[in-house]
N, C-alpha and C. Protein backbone atom coordinates (compact mmCIF):
# COMPACT_ATOMS: atom_id res chain seq x y z
N MET A 1 0.93 -1.20 0.04
CA MET A 1 -0.19 -0.26 -0.06
C MET A 1 0.90 1.16 -0.26
N ALA A 2 2.08 1.33 0.63
CA ALA A 2 2.72 2.57 0.69
C ALA A 2 3.47 2.61 -0.55
N THR A 3 3.76 1.68 -1.41
CA THR A 3 4.28 1.77 -2.55
C THR A 3 3.32 2.49 -3.53
N VAL A 4 2.01 2.02 -3.46
CA VAL A 4 0.81 2.72 -4.29
C VAL A 4 0.81 4.23 -3.97
N PHE A 5 0.82 4.60 -2.74
CA PHE A 5 0.79 6.11 -2.25
C PHE A 5 1.83 6.68 -2.71
N ALA A 6 3.24 6.00 -2.98
CA ALA A 6 4.51 6.82 -3.34
C ALA A 6 4.30 6.85 -4.76
N VAL A 7 3.93 6.14 -5.59
CA VAL A 7 3.58 6.15 -6.96
C VAL A 7 2.61 7.18 -7.29
N LEU A 8 1.42 7.38 -6.55
CA LEU A 8 0.60 8.07 -6.93
C LEU A 8 0.99 9.56 -6.42
N GLY A 9 1.80 9.91 -5.58
CA GLY A 9 2.47 11.11 -4.97
C GLY A 9 3.48 11.44 -6.16
N VAL A 10 4.05 10.68 -6.81
CA VAL A 10 5.20 11.00 -8.02
C VAL A 10 4.24 11.36 -8.83
N ILE A 11 3.30 10.88 -9.37
CA ILE A 11 2.30 11.24 -10.64
C ILE A 11 1.58 12.50 -10.30
N PHE A 12 1.32 12.45 -9.03
CA PHE A 12 0.44 13.94 -9.10
C PHE A 12 1.44 15.22 -8.96
N ALA A 13 2.75 15.08 -8.43
CA ALA A 13 3.56 16.01 -8.45
C ALA A 13 4.03 16.26 -9.85
N ALA A 14 4.39 15.34 -10.81
CA ALA A 14 4.63 15.63 -12.02
C ALA A 14 3.50 16.23 -12.79
N LEU A 15 2.30 15.68 -12.53
CA LEU A 15 1.04 16.54 -13.31
C LEU A 15 1.13 17.82 -12.64
N ALA A 16 1.12 18.15 -11.22
CA ALA A 16 1.18 19.37 -11.18
C ALA A 16 2.47 20.45 -11.76
N VAL A 17 3.70 19.91 -11.86
CA VAL A 17 4.57 20.75 -12.51
C VAL A 17 4.33 20.95 -14.12
N TRP A 18 3.86 19.94 -14.78
CA TRP A 18 3.42 19.99 -15.92
C TRP A 18 2.36 20.91 -16.35
N LEU A 19 1.41 20.85 -15.43
CA LEU A 19 0.34 21.81 -15.69
C LEU A 19 0.74 23.32 -15.35
N ALA A 20 1.83 23.61 -14.15
CA ALA A 20 2.27 24.84 -13.89
C ALA A 20 3.10 25.48 -15.01
N VAL A 21 3.72 24.54 -15.79
CA VAL A 21 4.39 24.89 -16.84
C VAL A 21 3.37 25.39 -18.29
N ARG A 22 2.43 24.70 -18.49
CA ARG A 22 1.24 25.21 -19.30
C ARG A 22 0.75 26.60 -18.93
N ILE A 23 0.34 26.46 -17.52
CA ILE A 23 -0.27 27.88 -17.29
C ILE A 23 0.77 29.23 -17.25
N ILE A 24 1.87 28.74 -16.91
CA ILE A 24 2.94 30.16 -16.76
C ILE A 24 3.54 30.33 -18.32
N ASN A 25 3.93 29.11 -19.05
CA ASN A 25 4.59 29.58 -20.21
C ASN A 25 3.68 29.75 -21.39
N ARG A 26 2.69 29.15 -21.60
CA ARG A 26 1.82 28.96 -22.63
C ARG A 26 0.19 29.82 -22.37
N ARG A 27 -0.09 29.76 -21.01
CA ARG A 27 -1.21 30.54 -20.61
C ARG A 27 -2.50 29.88 -21.32
N GLU A 28 -2.36 28.56 -21.32
CA GLU A 28 -3.58 28.04 -21.76
C GLU A 28 -4.72 27.75 -20.86
N ARG A 29 -5.89 28.09 -21.17
CA ARG A 29 -7.08 28.29 -20.49
C ARG A 29 -7.45 26.57 -19.88
N TRP A 30 -7.39 25.60 -20.70
CA TRP A 30 -7.93 24.53 -20.36
C TRP A 30 -6.93 23.85 -18.86
N ALA A 31 -5.70 24.27 -19.06
CA ALA A 31 -4.59 24.32 -17.99
C ALA A 31 -5.22 24.60 -16.68
N LYS A 32 -5.56 25.89 -16.71
CA LYS A 32 -6.05 26.44 -15.56
C LYS A 32 -7.01 25.83 -14.97
N ARG A 33 -8.19 25.51 -15.87
CA ARG A 33 -9.61 24.97 -15.26
C ARG A 33 -8.92 23.73 -14.78
N THR A 34 -8.13 22.96 -15.30
CA THR A 34 -7.90 21.32 -14.65
C THR A 34 -7.29 21.76 -13.44
N ALA A 35 -6.18 22.60 -13.32
CA ALA A 35 -5.66 22.97 -12.08
C ALA A 35 -6.67 23.42 -11.10
N VAL A 36 -7.38 24.12 -11.39
CA VAL A 36 -8.69 24.39 -10.41
C VAL A 36 -9.27 23.25 -10.03
N THR A 37 -9.69 22.27 -10.95
CA THR A 37 -10.47 21.20 -10.75
C THR A 37 -9.98 20.25 -9.92
N LEU A 38 -8.54 20.03 -9.89
CA LEU A 38 -7.71 19.22 -9.14
C LEU A 38 -7.44 19.66 -7.89
N ILE A 39 -7.29 21.14 -7.49
CA ILE A 39 -7.30 21.57 -6.19
C ILE A 39 -8.78 21.22 -5.57
N VAL A 40 -9.95 21.76 -6.13
CA VAL A 40 -11.15 21.59 -5.56
C VAL A 40 -11.24 20.00 -5.23
N LEU A 41 -10.81 19.16 -6.23
CA LEU A 41 -11.14 17.80 -5.65
C LEU A 41 -10.18 17.21 -4.45
N LEU A 42 -9.13 17.85 -4.57
CA LEU A 42 -8.20 17.77 -3.35
C LEU A 42 -8.57 17.96 -2.11
N ALA A 43 -9.40 19.53 -2.21
CA ALA A 43 -9.98 19.89 -1.03
C ALA A 43 -11.36 19.13 -0.59
N LEU A 44 -11.98 18.67 -1.41
CA LEU A 44 -13.31 17.78 -1.47
C LEU A 44 -12.80 16.53 -0.58
N TYR A 45 -11.72 15.87 -0.97
CA TYR A 45 -11.32 14.56 -0.42
C TYR A 45 -10.95 14.95 1.12
N GLY A 46 -10.39 15.91 1.17
CA GLY A 46 -9.81 16.25 2.79
C GLY A 46 -11.28 16.36 3.42
N LEU A 47 -12.09 17.10 3.00
CA LEU A 47 -13.37 17.54 3.84
C LEU A 47 -14.32 16.29 4.06
N SER A 48 -14.23 15.25 2.88
CA SER A 48 -14.92 14.34 2.92
C SER A 48 -14.74 13.21 4.18
N ILE A 49 -13.73 13.44 4.96
CA ILE A 49 -13.44 12.35 6.07
C ILE A 49 -14.48 12.54 7.29
N GLY A 50 -14.95 13.94 7.30
CA GLY A 50 -15.84 14.25 8.26
C GLY A 50 -17.35 13.44 8.23
N PRO A 51 -17.79 13.54 6.85
CA PRO A 51 -19.20 12.77 6.86
C PRO A 51 -19.01 11.11 6.99
N ALA A 52 -17.65 10.83 6.19
CA ALA A 52 -17.27 9.31 6.28
C ALA A 52 -17.41 8.82 7.69
N TYR A 53 -16.58 9.63 8.58
CA TYR A 53 -16.31 9.31 9.90
C TYR A 53 -17.50 9.16 10.69
N TRP A 54 -18.43 10.03 10.32
CA TRP A 54 -19.92 10.08 11.03
C TRP A 54 -20.77 8.81 10.57
N ALA A 55 -20.52 8.61 9.33
CA ALA A 55 -21.34 7.31 8.62
C ALA A 55 -21.03 6.09 9.18
N CYS A 56 -19.84 5.70 9.48
CA CYS A 56 -19.31 4.54 9.76
C CYS A 56 -18.91 4.35 11.32
N THR A 57 -18.91 5.24 12.19
CA THR A 57 -18.68 4.93 13.54
C THR A 57 -19.82 5.17 14.48
N ASP A 58 -19.94 4.53 15.73
CA ASP A 58 -20.88 4.47 16.43
C ASP A 58 -20.72 5.74 17.50
N SER A 59 -21.67 5.76 18.44
CA SER A 59 -21.29 6.90 19.38
C SER A 59 -20.05 7.04 20.29
N ARG A 60 -19.40 5.95 20.31
CA ARG A 60 -18.12 5.82 20.93
C ARG A 60 -17.01 6.20 20.09
N GLY A 61 -17.12 6.21 19.03
CA GLY A 61 -15.97 6.57 17.86
C GLY A 61 -15.63 5.29 17.39
N ARG A 62 -16.03 4.03 17.54
CA ARG A 62 -15.56 2.89 17.00
C ARG A 62 -16.42 2.52 15.74
N VAL A 63 -15.51 2.08 14.92
CA VAL A 63 -16.10 1.58 13.56
C VAL A 63 -17.25 0.43 13.88
N ARG A 64 -18.47 0.86 13.29
CA ARG A 64 -19.55 -0.09 13.44
C ARG A 64 -19.27 -1.39 12.86
N ASP A 65 -19.77 -2.61 13.38
CA ASP A 65 -19.52 -3.95 12.63
C ASP A 65 -20.20 -3.89 11.25
N ASP A 66 -21.37 -3.17 11.15
CA ASP A 66 -22.04 -3.47 9.54
C ASP A 66 -21.47 -2.67 8.75
N TRP A 67 -20.33 -2.10 9.06
CA TRP A 67 -19.53 -1.11 8.04
C TRP A 67 -18.25 -1.43 7.91
N THR A 68 -17.80 -1.75 6.72
CA THR A 68 -16.48 -2.16 6.58
C THR A 68 -15.23 -0.96 7.12
N GLY A 69 -14.82 -1.18 8.04
CA GLY A 69 -14.01 -0.44 8.62
C GLY A 69 -12.74 -0.05 7.62
N SER A 70 -12.29 -1.47 7.30
CA SER A 70 -10.79 -1.29 6.40
C SER A 70 -11.23 -0.43 5.20
N ALA A 71 -12.12 -0.34 4.73
CA ALA A 71 -12.22 0.57 3.45
C ALA A 71 -11.95 1.93 4.29
N PHE A 72 -12.80 2.40 5.01
CA PHE A 72 -12.57 3.62 5.44
C PHE A 72 -11.01 4.04 5.76
N LEU A 73 -10.38 2.92 6.48
CA LEU A 73 -8.90 3.25 6.84
C LEU A 73 -8.06 2.97 5.51
N ASN A 74 -8.43 2.38 4.76
CA ASN A 74 -7.48 2.51 3.19
C ASN A 74 -8.01 3.73 2.49
N ILE A 75 -9.06 4.02 2.53
CA ILE A 75 -9.26 5.48 1.42
C ILE A 75 -8.91 6.58 2.15
N TYR A 76 -8.97 6.59 3.53
CA TYR A 76 -8.48 7.92 4.35
C TYR A 76 -6.90 7.73 5.10
N ALA A 77 -6.26 6.84 4.57
CA ALA A 77 -5.20 6.51 4.91
C ALA A 77 -4.13 7.61 5.02
N PRO A 78 -4.05 8.53 3.99
CA PRO A 78 -3.02 9.33 4.03
C PRO A 78 -3.70 10.69 5.29
N ILE A 79 -4.73 10.89 5.30
CA ILE A 79 -5.32 11.83 6.49
C ILE A 79 -4.69 11.10 7.71
N ILE A 80 -5.42 9.87 8.03
CA ILE A 80 -5.21 9.41 9.02
C ILE A 80 -3.86 9.28 9.64
N VAL A 81 -2.79 8.83 8.69
CA VAL A 81 -1.42 8.88 9.38
C VAL A 81 -0.88 10.25 9.35
N ALA A 82 -1.28 11.26 8.94
CA ALA A 82 -0.95 12.86 9.13
C ALA A 82 -1.59 13.02 10.40
N TYR A 83 -2.81 12.62 10.77
CA TYR A 83 -3.42 13.21 12.02
C TYR A 83 -2.66 12.40 13.22
N GLN A 84 -2.15 11.04 13.08
CA GLN A 84 -1.37 10.27 14.12
C GLN A 84 -0.08 10.53 14.40
N LYS A 85 0.63 10.85 13.00
CA LYS A 85 2.19 11.28 13.43
C LYS A 85 2.52 12.60 13.02
N GLY A 86 1.66 13.42 12.40
CA GLY A 86 1.78 14.53 11.81
C GLY A 86 2.29 15.50 13.14
N PRO A 87 2.80 16.73 12.81
CA PRO A 87 3.04 17.72 13.78
C PRO A 87 1.62 18.26 14.53
N ALA A 88 1.63 19.13 15.59
CA ALA A 88 0.30 19.66 16.10
C ALA A 88 -0.41 20.69 14.83
N PHE A 89 0.18 21.42 14.24
CA PHE A 89 -0.41 22.07 13.42
C PHE A 89 -1.13 21.56 12.13
N VAL A 90 -0.75 20.14 12.11
CA VAL A 90 -1.28 19.42 11.15
C VAL A 90 -2.47 18.46 11.96
N ASN A 91 -2.21 17.91 13.01
CA ASN A 91 -3.41 17.16 13.52
C ASN A 91 -4.31 17.93 14.14
N ASN A 92 -3.98 18.79 14.50
CA ASN A 92 -5.14 19.80 15.47
C ASN A 92 -6.37 20.29 14.41
N PRO A 93 -6.06 20.62 13.28
CA PRO A 93 -7.10 21.17 12.63
C PRO A 93 -7.96 19.70 12.05
N ILE A 94 -7.42 18.72 12.09
CA ILE A 94 -7.89 17.11 11.45
C ILE A 94 -8.70 16.86 12.65
N GLU A 95 -8.37 17.35 14.08
CA GLU A 95 -9.20 16.51 15.07
C GLU A 95 -10.54 17.62 15.44
N HIS A 96 -10.22 18.80 15.24
CA HIS A 96 -11.35 19.77 15.72
C HIS A 96 -12.23 19.55 14.47
N TYR A 97 -11.80 19.34 13.33
CA TYR A 97 -12.78 19.07 12.33
C TYR A 97 -13.67 17.78 12.39
N LEU A 98 -13.09 16.76 12.72
CA LEU A 98 -13.64 15.22 13.24
C LEU A 98 -14.61 15.58 14.53
N VAL A 99 -14.04 16.31 15.30
CA VAL A 99 -15.06 16.58 16.41
C VAL A 99 -16.52 17.23 16.04
N LEU A 100 -16.40 18.04 14.93
CA LEU A 100 -17.66 18.47 14.62
C LEU A 100 -18.61 17.26 13.78
N TRP A 101 -17.71 16.28 13.56
CA TRP A 101 -18.76 15.24 13.10
C TRP A 101 -18.85 14.02 14.07
N GLY A 102 -18.61 14.02 15.25
CA GLY A 102 -19.01 13.28 16.41
C GLY A 102 -17.84 12.56 16.79
N MET A 103 -16.51 12.94 16.50
CA MET A 103 -15.42 12.10 17.35
C MET A 103 -15.44 12.54 18.74
N PRO A 104 -15.59 11.67 19.70
CA PRO A 104 -15.50 11.70 20.90
C PRO A 104 -13.98 12.31 21.65
């Protein structure tokens, strides 16, 4: 799984550099729209952990038996790792956001 995330990270970085060159040097409108779309999708991914957490946990914050917790953990693994192992300026906003969605 770590290899998959590493490869996806390299692909995303390469795409970002390629789009930046297209936007800065050639001023292509489609590249600007694509960059904005990628930024919005990345923000929506980060914000979607709240509703997903609320949907798959019980009142004590444990993953319910009728919902596959492994899917939640796999989909949101980068955010969970940032929350668990990241510095305070990273994990505090994540924690505050999850508290809004029912994290005890």
